[in-house]
Amino acid sequence: AGFPVLAGGAAFGPQGRYARLMRAEWAKDAPDAAA
């Protein structure tokens, strides 16, 4: 639908591996997400 995606947390693998495979931004925690 054209929206950017921010995924977060350990469920997305080490250093956000799975989030990146899905072409989503990844944040390790809330402060990182806010940044």
PDB file of all heavy atoms in Angstrom:
ATOM      1  N   ALA A   1       0.825  -1.212   0.000  1.00  0.00           N
ATOM      2  CA  ALA A   1       0.000   0.000   0.000  1.00  0.00           C
ATOM      3  C   ALA A   1       0.862   1.266   0.000  1.00  0.00           C
ATOM      4  O   ALA A   1       0.345   2.369   0.032  1.00  0.00           O
ATOM      5  CB  ALA A   1      -0.917  -0.008   1.217  1.00  0.00           C
ATOM      6  N   GLY A   2       2.183   1.097  -0.002  1.00  0.00           N
ATOM      7  CA  GLY A   2       3.083   2.233  -0.087  1.00  0.00           C
ATOM      8  C   GLY A   2       3.507   2.838   1.235  1.00  0.00           C
ATOM      9  O   GLY A   2       4.024   3.946   1.278  1.00  0.00           O
ATOM     10  N   PHE A   3       3.288   2.123   2.338  1.00  0.00           N
ATOM     11  CA  PHE A   3       3.660   2.626   3.652  1.00  0.00           C
ATOM     12  C   PHE A   3       5.005   2.054   4.095  1.00  0.00           C
ATOM     13  O   PHE A   3       5.269   0.872   3.908  1.00  0.00           O
ATOM     14  CB  PHE A   3       2.614   2.249   4.705  1.00  0.00           C
ATOM     15  CG  PHE A   3       1.307   2.958   4.508  1.00  0.00           C
ATOM     16  CD1 PHE A   3       0.263   2.333   3.852  1.00  0.00           C
ATOM     17  CD2 PHE A   3       1.140   4.248   4.974  1.00  0.00           C
ATOM     18  CE1 PHE A   3      -0.940   2.984   3.661  1.00  0.00           C
ATOM     19  CE2 PHE A   3      -0.060   4.903   4.800  1.00  0.00           C
ATOM     20  CZ  PHE A   3      -1.105   4.272   4.135  1.00  0.00           C
ATOM     21  N   PRO A   4       5.836   2.875   4.715  1.00  0.00           N
ATOM     22  CA  PRO A   4       7.085   2.359   5.281  1.00  0.00           C
ATOM     23  C   PRO A   4       6.768   1.501   6.503  1.00  0.00           C
ATOM     24  O   PRO A   4       5.735   1.682   7.142  1.00  0.00           O
ATOM     25  CB  PRO A   4       7.860   3.610   5.673  1.00  0.00           C
ATOM     26  CG  PRO A   4       6.820   4.661   5.863  1.00  0.00           C
ATOM     27  CD  PRO A   4       5.691   4.312   4.933  1.00  0.00           C
ATOM     28  N   VAL A   5       7.650   0.579   6.825  1.00  0.00           N
ATOM     29  CA  VAL A   5       7.409  -0.336   7.936  1.00  0.00           C
ATOM     30  C   VAL A   5       8.600  -0.307   8.898  1.00  0.00           C
ATOM     31  O   VAL A   5       9.750  -0.371   8.477  1.00  0.00           O
ATOM     32  CB  VAL A   5       7.194  -1.779   7.420  1.00  0.00           C
ATOM     33  CG1 VAL A   5       7.025  -2.748   8.570  1.00  0.00           C
ATOM     34  CG2 VAL A   5       5.998  -1.838   6.483  1.00  0.00           C
ATOM     35  N   LEU A   6       8.275  -0.234  10.179  1.00  0.00           N
ATOM     36  CA  LEU A   6       9.265  -0.321  11.238  1.00  0.00           C
ATOM     37  C   LEU A   6       8.919  -1.542  12.076  1.00  0.00           C
ATOM     38  O   LEU A   6       7.828  -1.624  12.630  1.00  0.00           O
ATOM     39  CB  LEU A   6       9.254   0.934  12.112  1.00  0.00           C
ATOM     40  CG  LEU A   6      10.122   0.908  13.370  1.00  0.00           C
ATOM     41  CD1 LEU A   6      11.590   0.714  13.010  1.00  0.00           C
ATOM     42  CD2 LEU A   6       9.926   2.185  14.163  1.00  0.00           C
ATOM     43  N   ALA A   7       9.817  -2.510  12.116  1.00  0.00           N
ATOM     44  CA  ALA A   7       9.641  -3.717  12.921  1.00  0.00           C
ATOM     45  C   ALA A   7      10.600  -3.628  14.095  1.00  0.00           C
ATOM     46  O   ALA A   7      11.625  -2.959  14.012  1.00  0.00           O
ATOM     47  CB  ALA A   7       9.933  -4.955  12.082  1.00  0.00           C
ATOM     48  N   GLY A   8      10.273  -4.292  15.188  1.00  0.00           N
ATOM     49  CA  GLY A   8      11.163  -4.180  16.321  1.00  0.00           C
ATOM     50  C   GLY A   8      11.226  -5.407  17.199  1.00  0.00           C
ATOM     51  O   GLY A   8      10.323  -6.228  17.214  1.00  0.00           O
ATOM     52  N   GLY A   9      12.343  -5.512  17.884  1.00  0.00           N
ATOM     53  CA  GLY A   9      12.515  -6.539  18.878  1.00  0.00           C
ATOM     54  C   GLY A   9      13.319  -7.731  18.423  1.00  0.00           C
ATOM     55  O   GLY A   9      13.683  -7.881  17.260  1.00  0.00           O
ATOM     56  N   ALA A  10      13.584  -8.585  19.398  1.00  0.00           N
ATOM     57  CA  ALA A  10      14.427  -9.753  19.183  1.00  0.00           C
ATOM     58  C   ALA A  10      13.790 -10.813  18.281  1.00  0.00           C
ATOM     59  O   ALA A  10      14.494 -11.613  17.681  1.00  0.00           O
ATOM     60  CB  ALA A  10      14.778 -10.381  20.528  1.00  0.00           C
ATOM     61  N   ALA A  11      12.480 -10.805  18.161  1.00  0.00           N
ATOM     62  CA  ALA A  11      11.812 -11.813  17.328  1.00  0.00           C
ATOM     63  C   ALA A  11      12.246 -11.732  15.867  1.00  0.00           C
ATOM     64  O   ALA A  11      12.122 -12.711  15.134  1.00  0.00           O
ATOM     65  CB  ALA A  11      10.302 -11.651  17.417  1.00  0.00           C
ATOM     66  N   PHE A  12      12.775 -10.591  15.459  1.00  0.00           N
ATOM     67  CA  PHE A  12      13.192 -10.430  14.069  1.00  0.00           C
ATOM     68  C   PHE A  12      14.643 -10.843  13.848  1.00  0.00           C
ATOM     69  O   PHE A  12      15.232 -10.538  12.811  1.00  0.00           O
ATOM     70  CB  PHE A  12      12.951  -8.992  13.602  1.00  0.00           C
ATOM     71  CG  PHE A  12      11.498  -8.724  13.363  1.00  0.00           C
ATOM     72  CD1 PHE A  12      10.711  -8.182  14.362  1.00  0.00           C
ATOM     73  CD2 PHE A  12      10.900  -9.060  12.165  1.00  0.00           C
ATOM     74  CE1 PHE A  12       9.366  -7.953  14.168  1.00  0.00           C
ATOM     75  CE2 PHE A  12       9.553  -8.840  11.951  1.00  0.00           C
ATOM     76  CZ  PHE A  12       8.774  -8.289  12.951  1.00  0.00           C
ATOM     77  N   GLY A  13      15.209 -11.589  14.788  1.00  0.00           N
ATOM     78  CA  GLY A  13      16.531 -12.173  14.627  1.00  0.00           C
ATOM     79  C   GLY A  13      17.656 -11.252  15.029  1.00  0.00           C
ATOM     80  O   GLY A  13      17.445 -10.077  15.334  1.00  0.00           O
ATOM     81  N   PRO A  14      18.868 -11.809  15.025  1.00  0.00           N
ATOM     82  CA  PRO A  14      20.044 -11.020  15.384  1.00  0.00           C
ATOM     83  C   PRO A  14      20.196  -9.813  14.457  1.00  0.00           C
ATOM     84  O   PRO A  14      20.163  -9.961  13.231  1.00  0.00           O
ATOM     85  CB  PRO A  14      21.217 -11.984  15.205  1.00  0.00           C
ATOM     86  CG  PRO A  14      20.621 -13.341  15.090  1.00  0.00           C
ATOM     87  CD  PRO A  14      19.202 -13.163  14.642  1.00  0.00           C
ATOM     88  N   GLN A  15      20.320  -8.630  15.048  1.00  0.00           N
ATOM     89  CA  GLN A  15      20.475  -7.391  14.283  1.00  0.00           C
ATOM     90  C   GLN A  15      19.346  -7.159  13.271  1.00  0.00           C
ATOM     91  O   GLN A  15      19.557  -6.530  12.239  1.00  0.00           O
ATOM     92  CB  GLN A  15      21.829  -7.365  13.575  1.00  0.00           C
ATOM     93  CG  GLN A  15      23.010  -7.475  14.507  1.00  0.00           C
ATOM     94  CD  GLN A  15      23.033  -6.332  15.520  1.00  0.00           C
ATOM     95  OE1 GLN A  15      22.885  -5.183  15.155  1.00  0.00           O
ATOM     96  NE2 GLN A  15      23.195  -6.665  16.792  1.00  0.00           N
ATOM     97  N   GLY A  16      18.157  -7.704  13.540  1.00  0.00           N
ATOM     98  CA  GLY A  16      17.005  -7.473  12.670  1.00  0.00           C
ATOM     99  C   GLY A  16      17.070  -8.197  11.341  1.00  0.00           C
ATOM    100  O   GLY A  16      16.483  -7.775  10.352  1.00  0.00           O
ATOM    101  N   ARG A  17      17.754  -9.324  11.320  1.00  0.00           N
ATOM    102  CA  ARG A  17      17.953 -10.083  10.069  1.00  0.00           C
ATOM    103  C   ARG A  17      16.663 -10.311   9.301  1.00  0.00           C
ATOM    104  O   ARG A  17      16.587 -10.075   8.099  1.00  0.00           O
ATOM    105  CB  ARG A  17      18.604 -11.417  10.407  1.00  0.00           C
ATOM    106  CG  ARG A  17      18.852 -12.323   9.227  1.00  0.00           C
ATOM    107  CD  ARG A  17      19.431 -13.653   9.725  1.00  0.00           C
ATOM    108  NE  ARG A  17      20.007 -14.530   8.780  1.00  0.00           N
ATOM    109  CZ  ARG A  17      19.389 -15.186   7.804  1.00  0.00           C
ATOM    110  NH1 ARG A  17      18.175 -15.020   7.619  1.00  0.00           N
ATOM    111  NH2 ARG A  17      20.009 -16.005   7.002  1.00  0.00           N
ATOM    112  N   TYR A  18      15.613 -10.773   9.972  1.00  0.00           N
ATOM    113  CA  TYR A  18      14.373 -11.097   9.274  1.00  0.00           C
ATOM    114  C   TYR A  18      13.621  -9.838   8.856  1.00  0.00           C
ATOM    115  O   TYR A  18      13.001  -9.812   7.790  1.00  0.00           O
ATOM    116  CB  TYR A  18      13.500 -12.017  10.122  1.00  0.00           C
ATOM    117  CG  TYR A  18      14.207 -13.311  10.449  1.00  0.00           C
ATOM    118  CD1 TYR A  18      14.500 -13.651  11.756  1.00  0.00           C
ATOM    119  CD2 TYR A  18      14.623 -14.162   9.437  1.00  0.00           C
ATOM    120  CE1 TYR A  18      15.186 -14.817  12.052  1.00  0.00           C
ATOM    121  CE2 TYR A  18      15.311 -15.332   9.722  1.00  0.00           C
ATOM    122  CZ  TYR A  18      15.589 -15.654  11.034  1.00  0.00           C
ATOM    123  OH  TYR A  18      16.274 -16.802  11.315  1.00  0.00           O
ATOM    124  N   ALA A  19      13.690  -8.802   9.650  1.00  0.00           N
ATOM    125  CA  ALA A  19      13.064  -7.532   9.257  1.00  0.00           C
ATOM    126  C   ALA A  19      13.711  -7.014   7.980  1.00  0.00           C
ATOM    127  O   ALA A  19      13.021  -6.585   7.054  1.00  0.00           O
ATOM    128  CB  ALA A  19      13.194  -6.506  10.372  1.00  0.00           C
ATOM    129  N   ARG A  20      15.024  -7.091   7.919  1.00  0.00           N
ATOM    130  CA  ARG A  20      15.726  -6.611   6.734  1.00  0.00           C
ATOM    131  C   ARG A  20      15.428  -7.473   5.509  1.00  0.00           C
ATOM    132  O   ARG A  20      15.329  -6.962   4.392  1.00  0.00           O
ATOM    133  CB  ARG A  20      17.221  -6.533   7.006  1.00  0.00           C
ATOM    134  CG  ARG A  20      17.566  -5.359   7.908  1.00  0.00           C
ATOM    135  CD  ARG A  20      19.054  -5.295   8.218  1.00  0.00           C
ATOM    136  NE  ARG A  20      19.498  -4.150   8.960  1.00  0.00           N
ATOM    137  CZ  ARG A  20      19.091  -3.758  10.161  1.00  0.00           C
ATOM    138  NH1 ARG A  20      18.128  -4.397  10.763  1.00  0.00           N
ATOM    139  NH2 ARG A  20      19.609  -2.708  10.762  1.00  0.00           N
ATOM    140  N   LEU A  21      15.291  -8.769   5.697  1.00  0.00           N
ATOM    141  CA  LEU A  21      14.905  -9.634   4.576  1.00  0.00           C
ATOM    142  C   LEU A  21      13.543  -9.249   4.029  1.00  0.00           C
ATOM    143  O   LEU A  21      13.280  -9.404   2.839  1.00  0.00           O
ATOM    144  CB  LEU A  21      14.884 -11.105   5.010  1.00  0.00           C
ATOM    145  CG  LEU A  21      16.234 -11.795   5.135  1.00  0.00           C
ATOM    146  CD1 LEU A  21      16.063 -13.177   5.764  1.00  0.00           C
ATOM    147  CD2 LEU A  21      16.906 -11.904   3.774  1.00  0.00           C
ATOM    148  N   MET A  22      12.692  -8.747   4.911  1.00  0.00           N
ATOM    149  CA  MET A  22      11.354  -8.315   4.502  1.00  0.00           C
ATOM    150  C   MET A  22      11.338  -6.844   4.094  1.00  0.00           C
ATOM    151  O   MET A  22      10.291  -6.265   3.885  1.00  0.00           O
ATOM    152  CB  MET A  22      10.367  -8.557   5.639  1.00  0.00           C
ATOM    153  CG  MET A  22      10.141 -10.026   5.924  1.00  0.00           C
ATOM    154  SD  MET A  22       8.913 -10.239   7.213  1.00  0.00           S
ATOM    155  CE  MET A  22       9.849 -11.184   8.404  1.00  0.00           C
ATOM    156  N   ARG A  23      12.507  -6.240   3.957  1.00  0.00           N
ATOM    157  CA  ARG A  23      12.671  -4.850   3.541  1.00  0.00           C
ATOM    158  C   ARG A  23      11.999  -3.861   4.487  1.00  0.00           C
ATOM    159  O   ARG A  23      11.465  -2.838   4.071  1.00  0.00           O
ATOM    160  CB  ARG A  23      12.139  -4.623   2.126  1.00  0.00           C
ATOM    161  CG  ARG A  23      12.663  -5.569   1.089  1.00  0.00           C
ATOM    162  CD  ARG A  23      13.964  -5.055   0.488  1.00  0.00           C
ATOM    163  NE  ARG A  23      14.314  -5.792  -0.708  1.00  0.00           N
ATOM    164  CZ  ARG A  23      15.153  -6.823  -0.711  1.00  0.00           C
ATOM    165  NH1 ARG A  23      15.682  -7.235   0.397  1.00  0.00           N
ATOM    166  NH2 ARG A  23      15.456  -7.433  -1.829  1.00  0.00           N
ATOM    167  N   ALA A  24      12.040  -4.168   5.783  1.00  0.00           N
ATOM    168  CA  ALA A  24      11.509  -3.273   6.801  1.00  0.00           C
ATOM    169  C   ALA A  24      12.663  -2.692   7.604  1.00  0.00           C
ATOM    170  O   ALA A  24      13.706  -3.320   7.742  1.00  0.00           O
ATOM    171  CB  ALA A  24      10.565  -4.039   7.735  1.00  0.00           C
ATOM    172  N   GLU A  25      12.478  -1.500   8.127  1.00  0.00           N
ATOM    173  CA  GLU A  25      13.440  -0.944   9.071  1.00  0.00           C
ATOM    174  C   GLU A  25      13.316  -1.747  10.355  1.00  0.00           C
ATOM    175  O   GLU A  25      12.249  -2.285  10.662  1.00  0.00           O
ATOM    176  CB  GLU A  25      13.126   0.527   9.356  1.00  0.00           C
ATOM    177  CG  GLU A  25      13.396   1.442   8.198  1.00  0.00           C
ATOM    178  CD  GLU A  25      14.886   1.657   7.954  1.00  0.00           C
ATOM    179  OE1 GLU A  25      15.688   1.553   8.905  1.00  0.00           O
ATOM    180  OE2 GLU A  25      15.231   1.932   6.800  1.00  0.00           O
ATOM    181  N   TRP A  26      14.371  -1.816  11.132  1.00  0.00           N
ATOM    182  CA  TRP A  26      14.349  -2.582  12.377  1.00  0.00           C
ATOM    183  C   TRP A  26      14.893  -1.737  13.511  1.00  0.00           C
ATOM    184  O   TRP A  26      15.865  -1.002  13.346  1.00  0.00           O
ATOM    185  CB  TRP A  26      15.190  -3.842  12.240  1.00  0.00           C
ATOM    186  CG  TRP A  26      15.267  -4.644  13.487  1.00  0.00           C
ATOM    187  CD1 TRP A  26      14.293  -5.451  14.003  1.00  0.00           C
ATOM    188  CD2 TRP A  26      16.365  -4.735  14.389  1.00  0.00           C
ATOM    189  NE1 TRP A  26      14.726  -6.038  15.171  1.00  0.00           N
ATOM    190  CE2 TRP A  26      16.003  -5.611  15.431  1.00  0.00           C
ATOM    191  CE3 TRP A  26      17.618  -4.169  14.429  1.00  0.00           C
ATOM    192  CZ2 TRP A  26      16.852  -5.912  16.481  1.00  0.00           C
ATOM    193  CZ3 TRP A  26      18.465  -4.465  15.477  1.00  0.00           C
ATOM    194  CH2 TRP A  26      18.075  -5.343  16.484  1.00  0.00           C
ATOM    195  N   ALA A  27      14.229  -1.843  14.657  1.00  0.00           N
ATOM    196  CA  ALA A  27      14.688  -1.172  15.874  1.00  0.00           C
ATOM    197  C   ALA A  27      14.869  -2.219  16.955  1.00  0.00           C
ATOM    198  O   ALA A  27      14.007  -3.078  17.139  1.00  0.00           O
ATOM    199  CB  ALA A  27      13.668  -0.135  16.319  1.00  0.00           C
ATOM    200  N   LYS A  28      15.980  -2.150  17.668  1.00  0.00           N
ATOM    201  CA  LYS A  28      16.239  -3.148  18.699  1.00  0.00           C
ATOM    202  C   LYS A  28      15.406  -2.908  19.949  1.00  0.00           C
ATOM    203  O   LYS A  28      15.124  -3.833  20.694  1.00  0.00           O
ATOM    204  CB  LYS A  28      17.721  -3.204  19.053  1.00  0.00           C
ATOM    205  CG  LYS A  28      18.245  -1.934  19.662  1.00  0.00           C
ATOM    206  CD  LYS A  28      19.732  -2.015  19.928  1.00  0.00           C
ATOM    207  CE  LYS A  28      20.195  -0.657  20.410  1.00  0.00           C
ATOM    208  NZ  LYS A  28      21.603  -0.504  20.393  1.00  0.00           N
ATOM    209  N   ASP A  29      15.023  -1.633  20.189  1.00  0.00           N
ATOM    210  CA  ASP A  29      14.260  -1.299  21.386  1.00  0.00           C
ATOM    211  C   ASP A  29      13.510   0.020  21.160  1.00  0.00           C
ATOM    212  O   ASP A  29      13.611   0.631  20.092  1.00  0.00           O
ATOM    213  CB  ASP A  29      15.175  -1.218  22.608  1.00  0.00           C
ATOM    214  CG  ASP A  29      16.356  -0.276  22.429  1.00  0.00           C
ATOM    215  OD1 ASP A  29      16.282   0.655  21.592  1.00  0.00           O
ATOM    216  OD2 ASP A  29      17.367  -0.454  23.125  1.00  0.00           O
ATOM    217  N   ALA A  30      12.780   0.467  22.183  1.00  0.00           N
ATOM    218  CA  ALA A  30      11.969   1.676  22.046  1.00  0.00           C
ATOM    219  C   ALA A  30      12.794   2.934  21.744  1.00  0.00           C
ATOM    220  O   ALA A  30      12.415   3.712  20.854  1.00  0.00           O
ATOM    221  CB  ALA A  30      11.114   1.870  23.292  1.00  0.00           C
ATOM    222  N   PRO A  31      13.924   3.166  22.430  1.00  0.00           N
ATOM    223  CA  PRO A  31      14.710   4.358  22.085  1.00  0.00           C
ATOM    224  C   PRO A  31      15.219   4.332  20.640  1.00  0.00           C
ATOM    225  O   PRO A  31      15.244   5.360  19.960  1.00  0.00           O
ATOM    226  CB  PRO A  31      15.873   4.332  23.080  1.00  0.00           C
ATOM    227  CG  PRO A  31      15.346   3.568  24.255  1.00  0.00           C
ATOM    228  CD  PRO A  31      14.447   2.525  23.653  1.00  0.00           C
ATOM    229  N   ASP A  32      15.601   3.158  20.173  1.00  0.00           N
ATOM    230  CA  ASP A  32      16.050   3.013  18.794  1.00  0.00           C
ATOM    231  C   ASP A  32      14.900   3.299  17.827  1.00  0.00           C
ATOM    232  O   ASP A  32      15.076   3.966  16.811  1.00  0.00           O
ATOM    233  CB  ASP A  32      16.606   1.596  18.590  1.00  0.00           C
ATOM    234  CG  ASP A  32      17.402   1.443  17.309  1.00  0.00           C
ATOM    235  OD1 ASP A  32      18.034   2.419  16.868  1.00  0.00           O
ATOM    236  OD2 ASP A  32      17.392   0.322  16.762  1.00  0.00           O
ATOM    237  N   ALA A  33      13.705   2.815  18.151  1.00  0.00           N
ATOM    238  CA  ALA A  33      12.521   3.071  17.313  1.00  0.00           C
ATOM    239  C   ALA A  33      12.220   4.565  17.268  1.00  0.00           C
ATOM    240  O   ALA A  33      11.926   5.112  16.200  1.00  0.00           O
ATOM    241  CB  ALA A  33      11.316   2.296  17.839  1.00  0.00           C
ATOM    242  N   ALA A  34      12.309   5.239  18.412  1.00  0.00           N
ATOM    243  CA  ALA A  34      12.049   6.678  18.451  1.00  0.00           C
ATOM    244  C   ALA A  34      13.046   7.433  17.569  1.00  0.00           C
ATOM    245  O   ALA A  34      12.667   8.369  16.856  1.00  0.00           O
ATOM    246  CB  ALA A  34      12.125   7.183  19.889  1.00  0.00           C
ATOM    247  N   ALA A  35      14.295   7.021  17.597  1.00  0.00           N
ATOM    248  CA  ALA A  35      15.312   7.667  16.758  1.00  0.00           C
ATOM    249  C   ALA A  35      15.000   7.464  15.278  1.00  0.00           C
ATOM    250  O   ALA A  35      15.105   8.397  14.481  1.00  0.00           O
ATOM    251  CB  ALA A  35      16.699   7.126  17.087  1.00  0.00           C
TER     252      ALA A  35
END
